[in-house]
Amino acid sequence: MIHTGRLSKLIILIFCSTFILTACKQKSKKDLIIGNWRLLKEKINEPTDSVTSDPSDPFDIPDRGTAYTFINDSLVDTRTEYYKIIRPNGRRREFQFIGTQTKYKITNDTLKIYDLTDSIWGDGRKIAKLTSDSLILVGAGGQRQVFLKHEYNIDSNPEFDQISLSTSGCYGSCPIINIIIDSTGYVLFYGEMYVSKIGFYEGQISKDKFNAIEKEFRKAKILDLKKEYSASWTDDETITTTFLKQGEIKKSIEDYGRTGPDELVWAYPSLRYLFQNIALEKIDSTKIPPYLNLHFFRFEKGDQILSLTQSESFLLWNYLRKGSLVQANFDGKYKMNFTRNYTWAPSYDELDNAYNEQAENKVKNIVTDGRYYTFILHGQQPLTIDIGFDFLTQNKKINFRKKKEYE
């Protein structure tokens, strides 16, 4: 017969041992899960009606790859873009970007992720297996997701020192912005439509912040990517991104419908929504000459044409903005045309002359040799701007092509 006191001690010992083992097991899972995980397999023996279609669910299986970066024992980057939709003036819908990093917890072998958009914990997935290099999650409907540990082999060369990104807008309320950042931390922002900041702004970020954004893009191995990616549907936005090193364009990428590689698309939010999270000072409108409020520059010479992307055009626009007014004789061998951004389709109550059409109509013609740009204006003397270097010879990766019949 076991003495009552000894029995109590035995029960306590068993309880403590169980608690310690459980705690160790839990700690072990949190240790093992930290790092980058990429989806390997999906929908194994999965009923066709078991997958939710809610795009805010970080466990959804989207068209592109699924990945998680568990940063520590409570923070995870889901690669899901969380937003709040706001209507600051009662008519224009805007997206307030919250981030891609959120909380997570592991309870009773179930991984749950906090949905920042709806401010709720998701139902989660059962951790069927977790080792140092593999992770299997099982949903309530039996769907299995198999992940492998992933390490990014980030190219060290080149490390870009300037990035220009532009969004075209869409047939709807997609934010239309242009932004340039460089390694000094300088930020130039132009908000056009469906954003809280309309107009031209300047700001500053830390060197570490620039490095973090630039590193996210380099995970995509920028120089190995195609120049253009395009979706098969219509009415979507185009995101163009230009990468520079020591003033030279190393690569420009046009991405219609965000169909580029995962790592490229995952890097967009850190730059396109940067303006929402930093201090910006509006540039005095008197310092923006009206003949510079132009879009989509295009060089022409005979039957040859060079059309700049939106992000390249914004880059050249900034060179012109900072250029010097001069009196100079030069060989104006190129004609430079421009167009407005016609992508967005505003309703009648949104027609607030965001593009300053009167300024656009002042420009009759632009001639250039790549360094000097002479603006021929209606009713005014011509004005010549020196940007200090030949934009065309410095950027050898952008090339002329033969005009097409409709051009």
Protein backbone atom coordinates (compact mmCIF):
# COMPACT_ATOMS: atom_id res chain seq x y z
CA MET A 1 0.00 0.00 0.00
CA ILE A 2 1.34 3.37 -1.03
CA HIS A 3 1.47 5.98 1.65
CA THR A 4 -0.74 9.02 0.96
CA GLY A 5 2.17 11.44 1.24
CA ARG A 6 4.31 9.39 -1.11
CA LEU A 7 1.39 9.16 -3.56
CA SER A 8 1.00 12.92 -3.55
CA LYS A 9 4.71 13.39 -4.20
CA LEU A 10 4.54 10.88 -7.04
CA ILE A 11 1.57 12.65 -8.63
CA ILE A 12 3.39 15.98 -8.35
CA LEU A 13 6.54 14.46 -9.86
CA ILE A 14 4.59 13.00 -12.80
CA PHE A 15 2.78 16.32 -13.32
CA CYS A 16 6.01 18.31 -13.28
CA SER A 17 7.73 15.89 -15.62
CA THR A 18 4.81 16.06 -18.04
CA PHE A 19 4.80 19.86 -17.85
CA ILE A 20 8.56 20.05 -18.47
CA LEU A 21 8.36 17.64 -21.41
CA THR A 22 5.47 19.58 -22.91
CA ALA A 23 7.29 22.87 -22.46
CA CYS A 24 10.42 21.45 -24.05
CA LYS A 25 8.39 20.06 -26.93
CA GLN A 26 6.73 23.46 -27.46
CA LYS A 27 10.06 25.25 -27.27
CA SER A 28 11.53 22.79 -29.72
CA LYS A 29 8.79 23.51 -32.28
CA LYS A 30 9.33 27.24 -31.97
CA ASP A 31 13.04 26.79 -32.39
CA LEU A 32 12.64 24.54 -35.42
CA ILE A 33 10.09 26.72 -37.16
CA ILE A 34 12.23 29.89 -37.22
CA GLY A 35 13.52 30.63 -40.72
CA ASN A 36 12.30 30.74 -44.34
CA TRP A 37 9.84 28.14 -45.63
CA ARG A 38 8.67 27.62 -49.23
CA LEU A 39 5.66 25.55 -50.29
CA LEU A 40 6.70 22.34 -52.06
CA LYS A 41 3.40 20.50 -52.48
CA GLU A 42 -0.23 21.42 -52.07
CA LYS A 43 -3.72 19.92 -52.19
CA ILE A 44 -2.62 16.35 -51.40
CA ASN A 45 -5.80 14.22 -51.14
CA GLU A 46 -7.74 17.42 -50.70
CA PRO A 47 -11.52 17.69 -51.20
CA THR A 48 -12.29 20.21 -53.96
CA ASP A 49 -14.58 22.27 -51.73
CA SER A 50 -12.26 22.55 -48.74
CA VAL A 51 -10.18 25.55 -49.75
CA THR A 52 -11.40 28.92 -48.62
CA SER A 53 -11.44 31.74 -51.19
CA ASP A 54 -10.95 34.55 -48.68
CA PRO A 55 -7.89 36.44 -50.01
CA SER A 56 -7.04 37.79 -46.55
CA ASP A 57 -6.46 34.29 -45.15
CA PRO A 58 -2.66 33.85 -44.91
CA PHE A 59 -3.13 30.07 -45.25
CA ASP A 60 -4.80 30.42 -48.64
CA ILE A 61 -3.11 28.78 -51.60
CA PRO A 62 -2.85 31.65 -54.09
CA ASP A 63 -1.82 31.50 -57.73
CA ARG A 64 1.78 32.24 -56.77
CA GLY A 65 3.97 30.40 -54.32
CA THR A 66 3.28 30.33 -50.61
CA ALA A 67 6.07 31.15 -48.19
CA TYR A 68 6.57 32.10 -44.57
CA THR A 69 9.50 33.62 -42.74
CA PHE A 70 9.21 32.94 -39.01
CA ILE A 71 11.33 35.73 -37.56
CA ASN A 72 11.22 34.80 -33.88
CA ASP A 73 8.93 32.93 -31.49
CA SER A 74 5.97 35.26 -32.12
CA LEU A 75 6.50 37.16 -35.40
CA VAL A 76 6.07 35.84 -38.95
CA ASP A 77 6.22 37.35 -42.43
CA THR A 78 3.39 35.65 -44.35
CA ARG A 79 4.08 37.44 -47.69
CA THR A 80 0.39 38.38 -47.50
CA GLU A 81 -0.31 42.09 -48.01
CA TYR A 82 -2.64 43.23 -45.23
CA TYR A 83 -4.69 46.37 -45.84
CA LYS A 84 -7.35 48.56 -44.37
CA ILE A 85 -9.61 50.20 -46.95
CA ILE A 86 -10.37 53.84 -46.16
CA ARG A 87 -12.34 56.61 -47.82
CA PRO A 88 -10.76 59.77 -46.40
CA ASN A 89 -12.93 62.19 -48.35
CA GLY A 90 -15.99 60.01 -48.74
CA ARG A 91 -15.52 59.15 -52.39
CA ARG A 92 -12.07 57.78 -53.21
CA ARG A 93 -11.20 54.35 -51.92
CA GLU A 94 -7.63 54.10 -50.67
CA PHE A 95 -5.57 51.19 -49.36
CA GLN A 96 -3.82 51.73 -46.03
CA PHE A 97 -1.05 49.15 -46.11
CA ILE A 98 -0.55 47.52 -42.70
CA GLY A 99 2.33 45.23 -43.58
CA THR A 100 3.16 41.60 -44.26
CA GLN A 101 4.48 40.74 -40.80
CA THR A 102 2.08 39.59 -38.12
CA LYS A 103 1.82 37.51 -34.94
CA TYR A 104 1.68 33.74 -34.74
CA LYS A 105 1.32 31.16 -31.99
CA ILE A 106 1.60 27.39 -31.62
CA THR A 107 -1.01 25.88 -29.34
CA ASN A 108 -1.52 22.12 -28.97
CA ASP A 109 0.46 21.49 -32.16
CA THR A 110 -1.73 23.94 -34.09
CA LEU A 111 -0.17 26.93 -35.85
CA LYS A 112 -2.35 30.04 -35.82
CA ILE A 113 -1.64 33.33 -37.57
CA TYR A 114 -3.17 36.67 -36.68
CA ASP A 115 -5.09 38.32 -39.53
CA LEU A 116 -4.15 42.01 -39.41
CA THR A 117 -6.92 43.02 -41.81
CA ASP A 118 -9.78 41.61 -39.72
CA SER A 119 -7.94 41.70 -36.37
CA ILE A 120 -8.68 38.05 -35.60
CA TRP A 121 -6.77 34.81 -35.13
CA GLY A 122 -7.26 32.42 -38.01
CA ASP A 123 -8.41 28.82 -37.52
CA GLY A 124 -4.89 27.66 -38.17
CA ARG A 125 -3.34 24.44 -39.39
CA LYS A 126 -2.29 21.32 -37.52
CA ILE A 127 1.47 20.76 -37.52
CA ALA A 128 1.67 17.18 -38.78
CA LYS A 129 5.46 17.24 -39.06
CA LEU A 130 8.20 19.69 -38.20
CA THR A 131 11.91 18.99 -38.57
CA SER A 132 14.91 21.17 -39.25
CA ASP A 133 14.21 21.09 -42.99
CA SER A 134 10.53 20.18 -43.54
CA LEU A 135 7.13 21.32 -42.33
CA ILE A 136 3.73 19.75 -43.05
CA LEU A 137 0.55 21.65 -42.21
CA VAL A 138 -2.91 20.07 -42.32
CA GLY A 139 -6.11 22.10 -42.50
CA ALA A 140 -9.52 21.30 -41.05
CA GLY A 141 -10.64 19.93 -44.42
CA GLY A 142 -7.66 17.59 -44.67
CA GLN A 143 -5.64 19.69 -47.12
CA ARG A 144 -1.90 19.26 -46.67
CA GLN A 145 0.82 21.78 -47.36
CA VAL A 146 4.40 20.56 -47.49
CA PHE A 147 7.11 23.18 -46.94
CA LEU A 148 10.88 22.96 -47.18
CA LYS A 149 13.37 25.17 -45.36
CA HIS A 150 14.72 27.75 -47.78
CA GLU A 151 17.83 29.91 -47.77
CA TYR A 152 18.07 32.89 -50.12
CA ASN A 153 21.27 33.11 -52.13
CA ILE A 154 21.35 36.88 -52.47
CA ASP A 155 23.65 38.26 -55.13
CA SER A 156 26.23 40.64 -53.70
CA ASN A 157 26.96 42.19 -57.08
CA PRO A 158 25.53 44.52 -58.02
CA GLU A 159 24.24 46.17 -54.91
CA PHE A 160 21.93 48.79 -56.40
CA ASP A 161 22.25 52.33 -55.07
CA GLN A 162 19.04 53.74 -56.55
CA ILE A 163 15.59 52.29 -57.27
CA SER A 164 12.70 53.92 -59.12
CA LEU A 165 9.24 52.35 -58.95
CA SER A 166 5.98 53.44 -60.61
CA THR A 167 2.45 52.07 -60.67
CA SER A 168 0.15 52.86 -63.60
CA GLY A 169 -3.22 52.51 -61.94
CA CYS A 170 -5.94 50.20 -63.20
CA TYR A 171 -9.58 50.20 -64.22
CA GLY A 172 -10.54 50.88 -60.65
CA SER A 173 -8.89 52.46 -57.63
CA CYS A 174 -5.37 51.02 -57.70
CA PRO A 175 -2.93 53.55 -56.17
CA ILE A 176 -1.00 55.54 -58.79
CA ILE A 177 2.43 56.52 -57.50
CA ASN A 178 6.02 57.16 -58.55
CA ILE A 179 8.88 56.89 -56.08
CA ILE A 180 12.67 57.07 -56.14
CA ILE A 181 14.96 56.09 -53.28
CA ASP A 182 18.75 56.08 -53.17
CA SER A 183 21.52 54.86 -50.90
CA THR A 184 21.82 58.26 -49.19
CA GLY A 185 18.28 57.74 -47.91
CA TYR A 186 16.75 60.39 -50.15
CA VAL A 187 13.12 59.79 -51.16
CA LEU A 188 11.22 61.50 -53.99
CA PHE A 189 7.51 60.71 -54.16
CA TYR A 190 4.81 61.70 -56.63
CA GLY A 191 1.27 60.67 -55.70
CA GLU A 192 -1.15 60.88 -58.61
CA MET A 193 -4.41 59.19 -57.66
CA TYR A 194 -6.04 57.06 -54.97
CA VAL A 195 -3.41 57.90 -52.37
CA SER A 196 -3.43 60.12 -49.30
CA LYS A 197 -0.62 62.30 -50.63
CA ILE A 198 -1.31 63.94 -53.99
CA GLY A 199 1.56 65.85 -55.57
CA PHE A 200 5.35 65.90 -55.21
CA TYR A 201 7.06 65.17 -51.90
CA GLU A 202 10.57 64.69 -50.53
CA GLY A 203 11.74 62.77 -47.51
CA GLN A 204 14.53 60.78 -45.91
CA ILE A 205 14.93 57.21 -44.72
CA SER A 206 17.82 55.60 -42.88
CA LYS A 207 20.64 53.80 -44.64
CA ASP A 208 19.49 50.59 -42.95
CA LYS A 209 15.96 51.06 -44.32
CA PHE A 210 17.27 51.55 -47.85
CA ASN A 211 19.48 48.47 -47.50
CA ALA A 212 16.53 46.38 -46.27
CA ILE A 213 14.36 47.39 -49.25
CA GLU A 214 17.18 46.89 -51.74
CA LYS A 215 17.98 43.48 -50.27
CA GLU A 216 14.38 42.33 -50.66
CA PHE A 217 14.55 43.10 -54.38
CA ARG A 218 17.93 41.37 -54.78
CA LYS A 219 16.37 38.15 -53.48
CA ALA A 220 14.68 38.02 -56.90
CA LYS A 221 18.07 38.01 -58.72
CA ILE A 222 17.09 41.10 -60.68
CA LEU A 223 19.65 40.84 -63.48
CA ASP A 224 18.42 37.34 -64.35
CA LEU A 225 14.79 38.38 -64.77
CA LYS A 226 12.96 39.17 -67.98
CA LYS A 227 12.26 42.78 -68.94
CA GLU A 228 8.54 42.21 -69.12
CA TYR A 229 5.90 40.06 -67.44
CA SER A 230 2.27 40.16 -68.47
CA ALA A 231 -1.00 38.64 -67.27
CA SER A 232 -3.59 37.23 -69.66
CA TRP A 233 -6.40 39.38 -68.24
CA THR A 234 -7.23 43.06 -68.76
CA ASP A 235 -7.79 46.23 -66.68
CA ASP A 236 -5.00 45.50 -64.18
CA GLU A 237 -2.10 47.72 -63.14
CA THR A 238 1.46 47.76 -64.44
CA ILE A 239 4.31 48.09 -61.95
CA THR A 240 7.61 49.20 -63.43
CA THR A 241 10.84 49.14 -61.46
CA THR A 242 14.24 50.50 -62.49
CA PHE A 243 17.48 49.58 -60.72
CA LEU A 244 20.64 51.71 -60.94
CA LYS A 245 24.26 51.45 -59.92
CA GLN A 246 26.46 54.56 -59.97
CA GLY A 247 23.93 56.43 -62.10
CA GLU A 248 23.57 53.71 -64.75
CA ILE A 249 20.35 51.80 -65.34
CA LYS A 250 21.19 48.13 -64.83
CA LYS A 251 17.69 46.75 -65.30
CA SER A 252 14.09 47.86 -65.82
CA ILE A 253 11.18 45.48 -65.38
CA GLU A 254 7.56 45.98 -66.45
CA ASP A 255 5.13 43.74 -64.60
CA TYR A 256 1.50 43.80 -65.74
CA GLY A 257 -0.86 42.12 -63.29
CA ARG A 258 1.95 41.31 -60.81
CA THR A 259 2.84 38.14 -62.69
CA GLY A 260 6.59 38.43 -62.11
CA PRO A 261 8.52 35.97 -59.91
CA ASP A 262 7.43 35.60 -56.30
CA GLU A 263 10.41 37.40 -54.78
CA LEU A 264 9.94 40.40 -57.09
CA VAL A 265 6.25 40.74 -56.25
CA TRP A 266 6.93 40.24 -52.55
CA ALA A 267 9.41 43.15 -52.65
CA TYR A 268 6.95 45.68 -54.14
CA PRO A 269 5.02 46.64 -50.96
CA SER A 270 8.09 47.76 -49.01
CA LEU A 271 8.67 50.46 -51.64
CA ARG A 272 5.29 51.28 -53.15
CA TYR A 273 3.73 51.94 -49.73
CA LEU A 274 6.80 53.53 -48.15
CA PHE A 275 5.18 56.97 -48.38
CA GLN A 276 2.53 55.95 -45.82
CA ASN A 277 5.06 55.35 -43.06
CA ILE A 278 7.64 58.12 -43.32
CA ALA A 279 7.68 61.88 -42.91
CA LEU A 280 7.39 63.64 -46.27
CA GLU A 281 7.46 67.33 -47.05
CA LYS A 282 5.49 68.61 -50.00
CA ILE A 283 7.61 70.30 -52.64
CA ASP A 284 6.63 73.89 -53.33
CA SER A 285 4.62 73.83 -56.56
CA THR A 286 6.46 76.94 -57.77
CA LYS A 287 9.63 74.83 -57.85
CA ILE A 288 8.05 72.41 -60.33
CA PRO A 289 8.07 74.09 -63.75
CA PRO A 290 4.73 73.48 -65.51
CA TYR A 291 6.47 72.12 -68.61
CA LEU A 292 7.81 69.20 -66.53
CA ASN A 293 4.42 67.78 -65.49
CA LEU A 294 4.70 65.15 -68.22
CA HIS A 295 4.53 61.35 -68.47
CA PHE A 296 6.06 58.53 -70.49
CA PHE A 297 8.94 60.08 -72.40
CA ARG A 298 9.84 58.71 -75.81
CA PHE A 299 12.93 59.48 -77.93
CA GLU A 300 12.65 59.42 -81.73
CA LYS A 301 15.22 59.66 -84.49
CA GLY A 302 14.11 58.87 -88.03
CA ASP A 303 12.47 55.44 -87.97
CA GLN A 304 14.03 54.61 -84.59
CA ILE A 305 12.22 54.95 -81.29
CA LEU A 306 13.06 54.47 -77.61
CA SER A 307 10.08 54.40 -75.24
CA LEU A 308 10.94 54.78 -71.57
CA THR A 309 9.00 52.84 -68.99
CA GLN A 310 7.03 54.79 -66.38
CA SER A 311 9.77 54.36 -63.76
CA GLU A 312 12.48 55.35 -66.29
CA SER A 313 10.43 58.39 -67.28
CA PHE A 314 10.11 59.46 -63.64
CA LEU A 315 13.86 59.06 -63.28
CA LEU A 316 14.48 61.32 -66.29
CA TRP A 317 11.83 63.73 -65.02
CA ASN A 318 13.83 64.06 -61.79
CA TYR A 319 17.06 64.71 -63.72
CA LEU A 320 15.24 67.47 -65.62
CA ARG A 321 13.81 68.88 -62.38
CA LYS A 322 17.29 69.14 -60.88
CA GLY A 323 18.93 70.29 -64.12
CA SER A 324 20.21 73.79 -64.88
CA LEU A 325 18.63 76.31 -67.22
CA VAL A 326 21.32 77.18 -69.75
CA GLN A 327 21.98 78.84 -73.08
CA ALA A 328 23.56 76.15 -75.22
CA ASN A 329 23.98 75.18 -78.85
CA PHE A 330 23.76 71.44 -79.42
CA ASP A 331 22.76 68.92 -82.04
CA GLY A 332 19.10 68.25 -81.30
CA LYS A 333 19.20 64.93 -83.09
CA TYR A 334 16.39 63.41 -81.06
CA LYS A 335 12.80 64.50 -80.74
CA MET A 336 11.31 63.67 -77.36
CA ASN A 337 7.58 63.04 -77.13
CA PHE A 338 5.46 62.41 -74.08
CA THR A 339 2.00 61.17 -73.16
CA ARG A 340 -0.28 61.43 -70.17
CA ASN A 341 -1.11 58.50 -67.94
CA TYR A 342 -4.46 57.42 -69.36
CA THR A 343 -4.74 54.19 -67.38
CA TRP A 344 -7.00 55.29 -64.58
CA ALA A 345 -10.71 55.80 -65.21
CA PRO A 346 -12.06 58.42 -62.78
CA SER A 347 -15.70 59.11 -62.14
CA TYR A 348 -16.96 62.60 -62.88
CA ASP A 349 -16.65 63.75 -59.26
CA GLU A 350 -12.97 62.83 -59.31
CA LEU A 351 -11.96 65.01 -62.24
CA ASP A 352 -9.82 67.47 -60.32
CA ASN A 353 -7.19 68.08 -63.02
CA ALA A 354 -4.58 65.85 -61.39
CA TYR A 355 -2.44 66.03 -64.51
CA ASN A 356 -2.47 69.80 -65.08
CA GLU A 357 -3.61 69.57 -68.70
CA GLN A 358 -3.06 73.30 -69.25
CA ALA A 359 0.63 72.82 -68.50
CA GLU A 360 0.82 69.89 -70.87
CA ASN A 361 -0.69 71.92 -73.69
CA LYS A 362 2.05 74.54 -73.35
CA VAL A 363 4.66 72.18 -74.75
CA LYS A 364 4.87 72.13 -78.55
CA ASN A 365 8.00 70.08 -78.90
CA ILE A 366 11.12 68.85 -77.10
CA VAL A 367 14.49 68.33 -78.80
CA THR A 368 17.56 66.80 -77.18
CA ASP A 369 20.96 65.23 -77.68
CA GLY A 370 20.61 63.21 -74.48
CA ARG A 371 22.17 65.83 -72.21
CA TYR A 372 20.53 69.09 -73.24
CA TYR A 373 16.73 69.32 -73.53
CA THR A 374 15.09 72.28 -75.23
CA PHE A 375 11.39 72.77 -74.58
CA ILE A 376 9.55 74.60 -77.37
CA LEU A 377 6.60 76.28 -75.65
CA HIS A 378 3.48 78.01 -76.95
CA GLY A 379 3.78 81.77 -76.56
CA GLN A 380 7.13 81.63 -74.71
CA GLN A 381 10.81 81.61 -75.47
CA PRO A 382 12.38 78.12 -75.69
CA LEU A 383 13.96 76.82 -72.49
CA THR A 384 17.00 74.53 -72.38
CA ILE A 385 17.83 72.27 -69.44
CA ASP A 386 21.24 70.67 -68.89
CA ILE A 387 20.98 67.48 -66.82
CA GLY A 388 24.80 67.25 -66.67
CA PHE A 389 25.31 63.99 -68.59
CA ASP A 390 24.07 62.12 -71.66
CA PHE A 391 21.14 60.03 -70.46
CA LEU A 392 21.22 57.83 -73.56
CA THR A 393 24.92 56.94 -73.65
CA GLN A 394 25.12 56.45 -69.89
CA ASN A 395 22.26 53.92 -69.97
CA LYS A 396 23.39 51.42 -72.58
CA LYS A 397 20.86 48.80 -71.51
CA ILE A 398 17.95 50.81 -72.90
CA ASN A 399 17.99 50.63 -76.69
CA PHE A 400 16.28 52.11 -79.71
CA ARG A 401 14.09 49.92 -81.89
CA LYS A 402 12.44 50.38 -85.25
CA LYS A 403 9.08 52.14 -85.24
CA LYS A 404 6.05 49.98 -85.75
CA GLU A 405 3.47 50.86 -88.35
CA TYR A 406 1.00 52.37 -85.89
CA GLU A 407 3.73 54.50 -84.25
